[in-house]
Amino acid sequence: NTVALQMNSLKPEDTAVYYCAVVRGSIWSPTGYDYWGQGTQ
């Protein structure tokens, strides 16, 4: 029950709080996002 994001060649512009969420609809034409996590810096 996990989804991972492998981040390589990181740049200062990548600095942010990263969140995961459930995507409603197609990933190509989403209708919304649900159940946001707390985020990780």
PDB file of all heavy atoms in Angstrom:
ATOM      1  N   ASN A   1       0.823  -1.213   0.000  1.00  0.00           N
ATOM      2  CA  ASN A   1       0.000   0.000   0.000  1.00  0.00           C
ATOM      3  C   ASN A   1       0.857   1.263   0.000  1.00  0.00           C
ATOM      4  O   ASN A   1       0.621   2.197   0.776  1.00  0.00           O
ATOM      5  CB  ASN A   1      -0.955   0.016   1.196  1.00  0.00           C
ATOM      6  CG  ASN A   1      -2.280  -0.648   0.907  1.00  0.00           C
ATOM      7  OD1 ASN A   1      -2.381  -1.538   0.060  1.00  0.00           O
ATOM      8  ND2 ASN A   1      -3.320  -0.221   1.612  1.00  0.00           N
ATOM      9  N   THR A   2       1.851   1.293  -0.864  1.00  0.00           N
ATOM     10  CA  THR A   2       2.728   2.454  -0.938  1.00  0.00           C
ATOM     11  C   THR A   2       2.905   2.923  -2.373  1.00  0.00           C
ATOM     12  O   THR A   2       2.799   2.141  -3.325  1.00  0.00           O
ATOM     13  CB  THR A   2       4.119   2.176  -0.341  1.00  0.00           C
ATOM     14  OG1 THR A   2       4.733   1.093  -1.046  1.00  0.00           O
ATOM     15  CG2 THR A   2       4.029   1.851   1.130  1.00  0.00           C
ATOM     16  N   VAL A   3       3.174   4.209  -2.510  1.00  0.00           N
ATOM     17  CA  VAL A   3       3.579   4.790  -3.780  1.00  0.00           C
ATOM     18  C   VAL A   3       4.848   5.592  -3.513  1.00  0.00           C
ATOM     19  O   VAL A   3       4.936   6.309  -2.512  1.00  0.00           O
ATOM     20  CB  VAL A   3       2.462   5.658  -4.399  1.00  0.00           C
ATOM     21  CG1 VAL A   3       2.050   6.782  -3.462  1.00  0.00           C
ATOM     22  CG2 VAL A   3       2.894   6.201  -5.750  1.00  0.00           C
ATOM     23  N   ALA A   4       5.838   5.429  -4.374  1.00  0.00           N
ATOM     24  CA  ALA A   4       7.127   6.069  -4.171  1.00  0.00           C
ATOM     25  C   ALA A   4       7.409   7.089  -5.255  1.00  0.00           C
ATOM     26  O   ALA A   4       6.931   6.976  -6.384  1.00  0.00           O
ATOM     27  CB  ALA A   4       8.237   5.026  -4.144  1.00  0.00           C
ATOM     28  N   LEU A   5       8.187   8.088  -4.899  1.00  0.00           N
ATOM     29  CA  LEU A   5       8.684   9.074  -5.849  1.00  0.00           C
ATOM     30  C   LEU A   5      10.201   9.075  -5.739  1.00  0.00           C
ATOM     31  O   LEU A   5      10.751   9.502  -4.721  1.00  0.00           O
ATOM     32  CB  LEU A   5       8.125  10.463  -5.554  1.00  0.00           C
ATOM     33  CG  LEU A   5       8.510  11.556  -6.554  1.00  0.00           C
ATOM     34  CD1 LEU A   5       7.825  11.318  -7.900  1.00  0.00           C
ATOM     35  CD2 LEU A   5       8.145  12.933  -6.006  1.00  0.00           C
ATOM     36  N   GLN A   6      10.863   8.560  -6.761  1.00  0.00           N
ATOM     37  CA  GLN A   6      12.315   8.565  -6.814  1.00  0.00           C
ATOM     38  C   GLN A   6      12.759   9.846  -7.502  1.00  0.00           C
ATOM     39  O   GLN A   6      12.418  10.088  -8.658  1.00  0.00           O
ATOM     40  CB  GLN A   6      12.830   7.344  -7.580  1.00  0.00           C
ATOM     41  CG  GLN A   6      14.346   7.293  -7.745  1.00  0.00           C
ATOM     42  CD  GLN A   6      15.071   7.119  -6.434  1.00  0.00           C
ATOM     43  OE1 GLN A   6      14.698   6.286  -5.621  1.00  0.00           O
ATOM     44  NE2 GLN A   6      16.116   7.909  -6.225  1.00  0.00           N
ATOM     45  N   MET A   7      13.518  10.662  -6.794  1.00  0.00           N
ATOM     46  CA  MET A   7      13.943  11.963  -7.290  1.00  0.00           C
ATOM     47  C   MET A   7      15.454  11.945  -7.485  1.00  0.00           C
ATOM     48  O   MET A   7      16.202  11.795  -6.519  1.00  0.00           O
ATOM     49  CB  MET A   7      13.536  13.074  -6.323  1.00  0.00           C
ATOM     50  CG  MET A   7      12.049  13.085  -5.992  1.00  0.00           C
ATOM     51  SD  MET A   7      11.576  14.484  -4.941  1.00  0.00           S
ATOM     52  CE  MET A   7      12.473  14.056  -3.446  1.00  0.00           C
ATOM     53  N   ASN A   8      15.875  12.096  -8.717  1.00  0.00           N
ATOM     54  CA  ASN A   8      17.293  12.125  -9.053  1.00  0.00           C
ATOM     55  C   ASN A   8      17.682  13.497  -9.580  1.00  0.00           C
ATOM     56  O   ASN A   8      16.832  14.282  -9.988  1.00  0.00           O
ATOM     57  CB  ASN A   8      17.618  11.060 -10.104  1.00  0.00           C
ATOM     58  CG  ASN A   8      17.315   9.661  -9.641  1.00  0.00           C
ATOM     59  OD1 ASN A   8      17.527   9.317  -8.480  1.00  0.00           O
ATOM     60  ND2 ASN A   8      16.832   8.829 -10.561  1.00  0.00           N
ATOM     61  N   SER A   9      18.978  13.777  -9.572  1.00  0.00           N
ATOM     62  CA  SER A   9      19.502  15.045 -10.083  1.00  0.00           C
ATOM     63  C   SER A   9      18.737  16.235  -9.520  1.00  0.00           C
ATOM     64  O   SER A   9      18.317  17.135 -10.245  1.00  0.00           O
ATOM     65  CB  SER A   9      19.452  15.053 -11.613  1.00  0.00           C
ATOM     66  OG  SER A   9      20.187  13.977 -12.157  1.00  0.00           O
ATOM     67  N   LEU A  10      18.571  16.243  -8.216  1.00  0.00           N
ATOM     68  CA  LEU A  10      17.767  17.271  -7.569  1.00  0.00           C
ATOM     69  C   LEU A  10      18.368  18.663  -7.749  1.00  0.00           C
ATOM     70  O   LEU A  10      19.587  18.834  -7.750  1.00  0.00           O
ATOM     71  CB  LEU A  10      17.602  16.957  -6.089  1.00  0.00           C
ATOM     72  CG  LEU A  10      16.570  15.867  -5.792  1.00  0.00           C
ATOM     73  CD1 LEU A  10      16.757  15.321  -4.390  1.00  0.00           C
ATOM     74  CD2 LEU A  10      15.160  16.421  -5.972  1.00  0.00           C
ATOM     75  N   LYS A  11      17.476  19.621  -7.907  1.00  0.00           N
ATOM     76  CA  LYS A  11      17.841  21.020  -8.089  1.00  0.00           C
ATOM     77  C   LYS A  11      17.263  21.852  -6.953  1.00  0.00           C
ATOM     78  O   LYS A  11      16.272  21.458  -6.345  1.00  0.00           O
ATOM     79  CB  LYS A  11      17.292  21.542  -9.420  1.00  0.00           C
ATOM     80  CG  LYS A  11      17.691  20.741 -10.639  1.00  0.00           C
ATOM     81  CD  LYS A  11      16.962  21.260 -11.867  1.00  0.00           C
ATOM     82  CE  LYS A  11      17.341  20.482 -13.108  1.00  0.00           C
ATOM     83  NZ  LYS A  11      16.622  20.986 -14.309  1.00  0.00           N
ATOM     84  N   PRO A  12      17.852  23.010  -6.665  1.00  0.00           N
ATOM     85  CA  PRO A  12      17.267  23.877  -5.639  1.00  0.00           C
ATOM     86  C   PRO A  12      15.802  24.210  -5.908  1.00  0.00           C
ATOM     87  O   PRO A  12      15.031  24.385  -4.959  1.00  0.00           O
ATOM     88  CB  PRO A  12      18.142  25.129  -5.699  1.00  0.00           C
ATOM     89  CG  PRO A  12      19.468  24.624  -6.147  1.00  0.00           C
ATOM     90  CD  PRO A  12      19.149  23.532  -7.140  1.00  0.00           C
ATOM     91  N   GLU A  13      15.409  24.282  -7.175  1.00  0.00           N
ATOM     92  CA  GLU A  13      14.026  24.560  -7.545  1.00  0.00           C
ATOM     93  C   GLU A  13      13.064  23.451  -7.133  1.00  0.00           C
ATOM     94  O   GLU A  13      11.849  23.652  -7.151  1.00  0.00           O
ATOM     95  CB  GLU A  13      13.898  24.779  -9.061  1.00  0.00           C
ATOM     96  CG  GLU A  13      14.871  25.793  -9.632  1.00  0.00           C
ATOM     97  CD  GLU A  13      16.145  25.147 -10.127  1.00  0.00           C
ATOM     98  OE1 GLU A  13      16.175  24.716 -11.300  1.00  0.00           O
ATOM     99  OE2 GLU A  13      17.114  25.079  -9.341  1.00  0.00           O
ATOM    100  N   ASP A  14      13.589  22.285  -6.766  1.00  0.00           N
ATOM    101  CA  ASP A  14      12.750  21.186  -6.301  1.00  0.00           C
ATOM    102  C   ASP A  14      12.387  21.319  -4.828  1.00  0.00           C
ATOM    103  O   ASP A  14      11.598  20.531  -4.315  1.00  0.00           O
ATOM    104  CB  ASP A  14      13.453  19.839  -6.518  1.00  0.00           C
ATOM    105  CG  ASP A  14      13.683  19.530  -7.986  1.00  0.00           C
ATOM    106  OD1 ASP A  14      12.772  19.774  -8.802  1.00  0.00           O
ATOM    107  OD2 ASP A  14      14.786  19.031  -8.318  1.00  0.00           O
ATOM    108  N   THR A  15      12.971  22.289  -4.138  1.00  0.00           N
ATOM    109  CA  THR A  15      12.686  22.496  -2.726  1.00  0.00           C
ATOM    110  C   THR A  15      11.209  22.813  -2.521  1.00  0.00           C
ATOM    111  O   THR A  15      10.676  23.748  -3.115  1.00  0.00           O
ATOM    112  CB  THR A  15      13.546  23.626  -2.161  1.00  0.00           C
ATOM    113  OG1 THR A  15      14.928  23.246  -2.204  1.00  0.00           O
ATOM    114  CG2 THR A  15      13.164  23.938  -0.716  1.00  0.00           C
ATOM    115  N   ALA A  16      10.547  22.023  -1.692  1.00  0.00           N
ATOM    116  CA  ALA A  16       9.114  22.183  -1.455  1.00  0.00           C
ATOM    117  C   ALA A  16       8.668  21.156  -0.430  1.00  0.00           C
ATOM    118  O   ALA A  16       9.412  20.248  -0.082  1.00  0.00           O
ATOM    119  CB  ALA A  16       8.320  21.993  -2.753  1.00  0.00           C
ATOM    120  N   VAL A  17       7.437  21.315   0.025  1.00  0.00           N
ATOM    121  CA  VAL A  17       6.779  20.256   0.769  1.00  0.00           C
ATOM    122  C   VAL A  17       6.096  19.360  -0.254  1.00  0.00           C
ATOM    123  O   VAL A  17       5.340  19.840  -1.101  1.00  0.00           O
ATOM    124  CB  VAL A  17       5.752  20.798   1.779  1.00  0.00           C
ATOM    125  CG1 VAL A  17       5.034  19.650   2.485  1.00  0.00           C
ATOM    126  CG2 VAL A  17       6.444  21.693   2.802  1.00  0.00           C
ATOM    127  N   TYR A  18       6.353  18.079  -0.190  1.00  0.00           N
ATOM    128  CA  TYR A  18       5.802  17.120  -1.138  1.00  0.00           C
ATOM    129  C   TYR A  18       4.646  16.367  -0.509  1.00  0.00           C
ATOM    130  O   TYR A  18       4.748  15.875   0.614  1.00  0.00           O
ATOM    131  CB  TYR A  18       6.883  16.142  -1.595  1.00  0.00           C
ATOM    132  CG  TYR A  18       7.827  16.744  -2.607  1.00  0.00           C
ATOM    133  CD1 TYR A  18       8.730  17.728  -2.224  1.00  0.00           C
ATOM    134  CD2 TYR A  18       7.803  16.347  -3.945  1.00  0.00           C
ATOM    135  CE1 TYR A  18       9.583  18.307  -3.146  1.00  0.00           C
ATOM    136  CE2 TYR A  18       8.651  16.916  -4.869  1.00  0.00           C
ATOM    137  CZ  TYR A  18       9.543  17.895  -4.468  1.00  0.00           C
ATOM    138  OH  TYR A  18      10.392  18.455  -5.400  1.00  0.00           O
ATOM    139  N   TYR A  19       3.548  16.288  -1.245  1.00  0.00           N
ATOM    140  CA  TYR A  19       2.329  15.639  -0.791  1.00  0.00           C
ATOM    141  C   TYR A  19       1.915  14.539  -1.754  1.00  0.00           C
ATOM    142  O   TYR A  19       2.151  14.640  -2.955  1.00  0.00           O
ATOM    143  CB  TYR A  19       1.169  16.637  -0.726  1.00  0.00           C
ATOM    144  CG  TYR A  19       1.370  17.822   0.176  1.00  0.00           C
ATOM    145  CD1 TYR A  19       1.952  18.990  -0.295  1.00  0.00           C
ATOM    146  CD2 TYR A  19       0.956  17.782   1.501  1.00  0.00           C
ATOM    147  CE1 TYR A  19       2.126  20.092   0.528  1.00  0.00           C
ATOM    148  CE2 TYR A  19       1.121  18.877   2.331  1.00  0.00           C
ATOM    149  CZ  TYR A  19       1.705  20.032   1.837  1.00  0.00           C
ATOM    150  OH  TYR A  19       1.869  21.124   2.651  1.00  0.00           O
ATOM    151  N   CYS A  20       1.270  13.517  -1.238  1.00  0.00           N
ATOM    152  CA  CYS A  20       0.607  12.558  -2.110  1.00  0.00           C
ATOM    153  C   CYS A  20      -0.897  12.669  -1.925  1.00  0.00           C
ATOM    154  O   CYS A  20      -1.382  13.198  -0.927  1.00  0.00           O
ATOM    155  CB  CYS A  20       1.095  11.123  -1.867  1.00  0.00           C
ATOM    156  SG  CYS A  20       0.730  10.432  -0.242  1.00  0.00           S
ATOM    157  N   ALA A  21      -1.638  12.197  -2.910  1.00  0.00           N
ATOM    158  CA  ALA A  21      -3.085  12.280  -2.878  1.00  0.00           C
ATOM    159  C   ALA A  21      -3.677  11.243  -3.821  1.00  0.00           C
ATOM    160  O   ALA A  21      -2.995  10.738  -4.718  1.00  0.00           O
ATOM    161  CB  ALA A  21      -3.563  13.677  -3.286  1.00  0.00           C
ATOM    162  N   VAL A  22      -4.941  10.943  -3.599  1.00  0.00           N
ATOM    163  CA  VAL A  22      -5.685  10.098  -4.519  1.00  0.00           C
ATOM    164  C   VAL A  22      -6.168  10.965  -5.672  1.00  0.00           C
ATOM    165  O   VAL A  22      -6.697  12.056  -5.460  1.00  0.00           O
ATOM    166  CB  VAL A  22      -6.873   9.423  -3.816  1.00  0.00           C
ATOM    167  CG1 VAL A  22      -7.741   8.661  -4.819  1.00  0.00           C
ATOM    168  CG2 VAL A  22      -6.378   8.483  -2.723  1.00  0.00           C
ATOM    169  N   VAL A  23      -5.972  10.493  -6.890  1.00  0.00           N
ATOM    170  CA  VAL A  23      -6.403  11.207  -8.078  1.00  0.00           C
ATOM    171  C   VAL A  23      -7.773  10.714  -8.494  1.00  0.00           C
ATOM    172  O   VAL A  23      -7.964   9.518  -8.721  1.00  0.00           O
ATOM    173  CB  VAL A  23      -5.408  11.001  -9.235  1.00  0.00           C
ATOM    174  CG1 VAL A  23      -5.886  11.727 -10.490  1.00  0.00           C
ATOM    175  CG2 VAL A  23      -4.012  11.465  -8.839  1.00  0.00           C
ATOM    176  N   ARG A  24      -8.729  11.635  -8.596  1.00  0.00           N
ATOM    177  CA  ARG A  24     -10.046  11.306  -9.108  1.00  0.00           C
ATOM    178  C   ARG A  24     -10.033  11.400 -10.618  1.00  0.00           C
ATOM    179  O   ARG A  24      -9.511  12.359 -11.187  1.00  0.00           O
ATOM    180  CB  ARG A  24     -11.106  12.256  -8.541  1.00  0.00           C
ATOM    181  CG  ARG A  24     -11.672  11.828  -7.219  1.00  0.00           C
ATOM    182  CD  ARG A  24     -12.810  12.748  -6.806  1.00  0.00           C
ATOM    183  NE  ARG A  24     -12.329  13.917  -6.093  1.00  0.00           N
ATOM    184  CZ  ARG A  24     -12.658  15.177  -6.375  1.00  0.00           C
ATOM    185  NH1 ARG A  24     -13.485  15.426  -7.384  1.00  0.00           N
ATOM    186  NH2 ARG A  24     -12.171  16.170  -5.659  1.00  0.00           N
ATOM    187  N   GLY A  25     -10.610  10.411 -11.270  1.00  0.00           N
ATOM    188  CA  GLY A  25     -10.636  10.391 -12.721  1.00  0.00           C
ATOM    189  C   GLY A  25      -9.327   9.874 -13.275  1.00  0.00           C
ATOM    190  O   GLY A  25      -8.503   9.293 -12.569  1.00  0.00           O
ATOM    191  N   SER A  26      -9.124  10.117 -14.549  1.00  0.00           N
ATOM    192  CA  SER A  26      -7.921   9.682 -15.238  1.00  0.00           C
ATOM    193  C   SER A  26      -6.715  10.523 -14.838  1.00  0.00           C
ATOM    194  O   SER A  26      -6.838  11.712 -14.562  1.00  0.00           O
ATOM    195  CB  SER A  26      -8.145   9.785 -16.749  1.00  0.00           C
ATOM    196  OG  SER A  26      -6.935   9.621 -17.462  1.00  0.00           O
ATOM    197  N   ILE A  27      -5.536   9.925 -14.799  1.00  0.00           N
ATOM    198  CA  ILE A  27      -4.329  10.695 -14.534  1.00  0.00           C
ATOM    199  C   ILE A  27      -4.034  11.658 -15.678  1.00  0.00           C
ATOM    200  O   ILE A  27      -3.302  12.632 -15.484  1.00  0.00           O
ATOM    201  CB  ILE A  27      -3.097   9.799 -14.282  1.00  0.00           C
ATOM    202  CG1 ILE A  27      -2.742   8.969 -15.527  1.00  0.00           C
ATOM    203  CG2 ILE A  27      -3.322   8.902 -13.077  1.00  0.00           C
ATOM    204  CD1 ILE A  27      -1.404   8.273 -15.416  1.00  0.00           C
ATOM    205  N   TRP A  28      -4.616  11.409 -16.837  1.00  0.00           N
ATOM    206  CA  TRP A  28      -4.434  12.281 -17.994  1.00  0.00           C
ATOM    207  C   TRP A  28      -5.429  13.426 -18.020  1.00  0.00           C
ATOM    208  O   TRP A  28      -5.140  14.475 -18.610  1.00  0.00           O
ATOM    209  CB  TRP A  28      -4.544  11.470 -19.287  1.00  0.00           C
ATOM    210  CG  TRP A  28      -3.612  10.303 -19.313  1.00  0.00           C
ATOM    211  CD1 TRP A  28      -3.921   9.000 -19.085  1.00  0.00           C
ATOM    212  CD2 TRP A  28      -2.202  10.356 -19.538  1.00  0.00           C
ATOM    213  NE1 TRP A  28      -2.787   8.216 -19.173  1.00  0.00           N
ATOM    214  CE2 TRP A  28      -1.725   9.027 -19.449  1.00  0.00           C
ATOM    215  CE3 TRP A  28      -1.305  11.388 -19.820  1.00  0.00           C
ATOM    216  CZ2 TRP A  28      -0.377   8.716 -19.625  1.00  0.00           C
ATOM    217  CZ3 TRP A  28       0.037  11.077 -19.993  1.00  0.00           C
ATOM    218  CH2 TRP A  28       0.478   9.748 -19.893  1.00  0.00           C
ATOM    219  N   SER A  29      -6.570  13.235 -17.413  1.00  0.00           N
ATOM    220  CA  SER A  29      -7.603  14.269 -17.318  1.00  0.00           C
ATOM    221  C   SER A  29      -8.284  14.154 -15.958  1.00  0.00           C
ATOM    222  O   SER A  29      -9.451  13.766 -15.869  1.00  0.00           O
ATOM    223  CB  SER A  29      -8.607  14.156 -18.452  1.00  0.00           C
ATOM    224  OG  SER A  29      -9.174  12.848 -18.495  1.00  0.00           O
ATOM    225  N   PRO A  30      -7.562  14.474 -14.889  1.00  0.00           N
ATOM    226  CA  PRO A  30      -8.110  14.319 -13.537  1.00  0.00           C
ATOM    227  C   PRO A  30      -9.255  15.287 -13.265  1.00  0.00           C
ATOM    228  O   PRO A  30      -9.289  16.396 -13.811  1.00  0.00           O
ATOM    229  CB  PRO A  30      -6.915  14.615 -12.636  1.00  0.00           C
ATOM    230  CG  PRO A  30      -6.042  15.509 -13.462  1.00  0.00           C
ATOM    231  CD  PRO A  30      -6.191  15.007 -14.868  1.00  0.00           C
ATOM    232  N   THR A  31     -10.169  14.872 -12.424  1.00  0.00           N
ATOM    233  CA  THR A  31     -11.284  15.720 -12.029  1.00  0.00           C
ATOM    234  C   THR A  31     -11.107  16.291 -10.628  1.00  0.00           C
ATOM    235  O   THR A  31     -11.878  17.146 -10.205  1.00  0.00           O
ATOM    236  CB  THR A  31     -12.610  14.948 -12.098  1.00  0.00           C
ATOM    237  OG1 THR A  31     -12.548  13.790 -11.258  1.00  0.00           O
ATOM    238  CG2 THR A  31     -12.890  14.496 -13.527  1.00  0.00           C
ATOM    239  N   GLY A  32     -10.107  15.810  -9.890  1.00  0.00           N
ATOM    240  CA  GLY A  32      -9.855  16.312  -8.559  1.00  0.00           C
ATOM    241  C   GLY A  32      -8.895  15.420  -7.799  1.00  0.00           C
ATOM    242  O   GLY A  32      -8.447  14.391  -8.311  1.00  0.00           O
ATOM    243  N   TYR A  33      -8.589  15.829  -6.569  1.00  0.00           N
ATOM    244  CA  TYR A  33      -7.639  15.110  -5.733  1.00  0.00           C
ATOM    245  C   TYR A  33      -8.195  15.006  -4.323  1.00  0.00           C
ATOM    246  O   TYR A  33      -8.753  15.967  -3.791  1.00  0.00           O
ATOM    247  CB  TYR A  33      -6.285  15.820  -5.737  1.00  0.00           C
ATOM    248  CG  TYR A  33      -5.808  16.137  -7.136  1.00  0.00           C
ATOM    249  CD1 TYR A  33      -6.012  17.396  -7.683  1.00  0.00           C
ATOM    250  CD2 TYR A  33      -5.197  15.163  -7.908  1.00  0.00           C
ATOM    251  CE1 TYR A  33      -5.601  17.675  -8.978  1.00  0.00           C
ATOM    252  CE2 TYR A  33      -4.788  15.437  -9.204  1.00  0.00           C
ATOM    253  CZ  TYR A  33      -4.986  16.688  -9.734  1.00  0.00           C
ATOM    254  OH  TYR A  33      -4.584  16.970 -11.019  1.00  0.00           O
ATOM    255  N   ASP A  34      -8.019  13.860  -3.721  1.00  0.00           N
ATOM    256  CA  ASP A  34      -8.606  13.586  -2.408  1.00  0.00           C
ATOM    257  C   ASP A  34      -7.575  13.026  -1.443  1.00  0.00           C
ATOM    258  O   ASP A  34      -6.545  12.488  -1.842  1.00  0.00           O
ATOM    259  CB  ASP A  34      -9.741  12.572  -2.533  1.00  0.00           C
ATOM    260  CG  ASP A  34     -10.905  13.075  -3.358  1.00  0.00           C
ATOM    261  OD1 ASP A  34     -11.281  14.251  -3.204  1.00  0.00           O
ATOM    262  OD2 ASP A  34     -11.438  12.277  -4.154  1.00  0.00           O
ATOM    263  N   TYR A  35      -7.882  13.138  -0.165  1.00  0.00           N
ATOM    264  CA  TYR A  35      -7.138  12.487   0.914  1.00  0.00           C
ATOM    265  C   TYR A  35      -5.666  12.865   0.945  1.00  0.00           C
ATOM    266  O   TYR A  35      -4.775  12.008   0.983  1.00  0.00           O
ATOM    267  CB  TYR A  35      -7.294  10.959   0.819  1.00  0.00           C
ATOM    268  CG  TYR A  35      -8.722  10.496   0.755  1.00  0.00           C
ATOM    269  CD1 TYR A  35      -9.225   9.906  -0.399  1.00  0.00           C
ATOM    270  CD2 TYR A  35      -9.563  10.650   1.846  1.00  0.00           C
ATOM    271  CE1 TYR A  35     -10.539   9.486  -0.463  1.00  0.00           C
ATOM    272  CE2 TYR A  35     -10.885  10.233   1.791  1.00  0.00           C
ATOM    273  CZ  TYR A  35     -11.362   9.645   0.630  1.00  0.00           C
ATOM    274  OH  TYR A  35     -12.670   9.221   0.573  1.00  0.00           O
ATOM    275  N   TRP A  36      -5.410  14.152   0.943  1.00  0.00           N
ATOM    276  CA  TRP A  36      -4.040  14.646   1.019  1.00  0.00           C
ATOM    277  C   TRP A  36      -3.340  14.153   2.277  1.00  0.00           C
ATOM    278  O   TRP A  36      -3.929  14.100   3.356  1.00  0.00           O
ATOM    279  CB  TRP A  36      -4.027  16.173   1.023  1.00  0.00           C
ATOM    280  CG  TRP A  36      -4.562  16.779  -0.223  1.00  0.00           C
ATOM    281  CD1 TRP A  36      -5.820  17.242  -0.438  1.00  0.00           C
ATOM    282  CD2 TRP A  36      -3.843  16.993  -1.442  1.00  0.00           C
ATOM    283  NE1 TRP A  36      -5.937  17.738  -1.716  1.00  0.00           N
ATOM    284  CE2 TRP A  36      -4.736  17.594  -2.348  1.00  0.00           C
ATOM    285  CE3 TRP A  36      -2.526  16.735  -1.847  1.00  0.00           C
ATOM    286  CZ2 TRP A  36      -4.362  17.947  -3.647  1.00  0.00           C
ATOM    287  CZ3 TRP A  36      -2.155  17.076  -3.140  1.00  0.00           C
ATOM    288  CH2 TRP A  36      -3.062  17.675  -4.016  1.00  0.00           C
ATOM    289  N   GLY A  37      -2.070  13.812   2.141  1.00  0.00           N
ATOM    290  CA  GLY A  37      -1.252  13.488   3.294  1.00  0.00           C
ATOM    291  C   GLY A  37      -0.773  14.743   3.986  1.00  0.00           C
ATOM    292  O   GLY A  37      -1.129  15.870   3.614  1.00  0.00           O
ATOM    293  N   GLN A  38       0.072  14.572   5.007  1.00  0.00           N
ATOM    294  CA  GLN A  38       0.560  15.709   5.795  1.00  0.00           C
ATOM    295  C   GLN A  38       1.747  16.403   5.138  1.00  0.00           C
ATOM    296  O   GLN A  38       2.091  17.527   5.513  1.00  0.00           O
ATOM    297  CB  GLN A  38       0.943  15.254   7.205  1.00  0.00           C
ATOM    298  CG  GLN A  38       2.366  14.731   7.377  1.00  0.00           C
ATOM    299  CD  GLN A  38       2.614  13.381   6.727  1.00  0.00           C
ATOM    300  OE1 GLN A  38       1.691  12.692   6.316  1.00  0.00           O
ATOM    301  NE2 GLN A  38       3.883  12.995   6.647  1.00  0.00           N
ATOM    302  N   GLY A  39       2.369  15.748   4.188  1.00  0.00           N
ATOM    303  CA  GLY A  39       3.497  16.316   3.478  1.00  0.00           C
ATOM    304  C   GLY A  39       4.833  15.975   4.112  1.00  0.00           C
ATOM    305  O   GLY A  39       4.926  15.703   5.307  1.00  0.00           O
ATOM    306  N   THR A  40       5.881  15.995   3.290  1.00  0.00           N
ATOM    307  CA  THR A  40       7.243  15.798   3.772  1.00  0.00           C
ATOM    308  C   THR A  40       8.144  16.834   3.107  1.00  0.00           C
ATOM    309  O   THR A  40       8.040  17.088   1.906  1.00  0.00           O
ATOM    310  CB  THR A  40       7.734  14.356   3.506  1.00  0.00           C
ATOM    311  OG1 THR A  40       9.011  14.151   4.113  1.00  0.00           O
ATOM    312  CG2 THR A  40       7.824  14.045   2.014  1.00  0.00           C
ATOM    313  N   GLN A  41       9.002  17.465   3.902  1.00  0.00           N
ATOM    314  CA  GLN A  41       9.829  18.570   3.417  1.00  0.00           C
ATOM    315  C   GLN A  41      11.044  18.057   2.668  1.00  0.00           C
ATOM    316  O   GLN A  41      11.791  17.221   3.173  1.00  0.00           O
ATOM    317  CB  GLN A  41      10.287  19.444   4.588  1.00  0.00           C
ATOM    318  CG  GLN A  41      11.230  20.581   4.191  1.00  0.00           C
ATOM    319  CD  GLN A  41      10.539  21.677   3.422  1.00  0.00           C
ATOM    320  OE1 GLN A  41       9.478  22.150   3.832  1.00  0.00           O
ATOM    321  NE2 GLN A  41      11.128  22.082   2.288  1.00  0.00           N
TER     322      GLN A  41
END
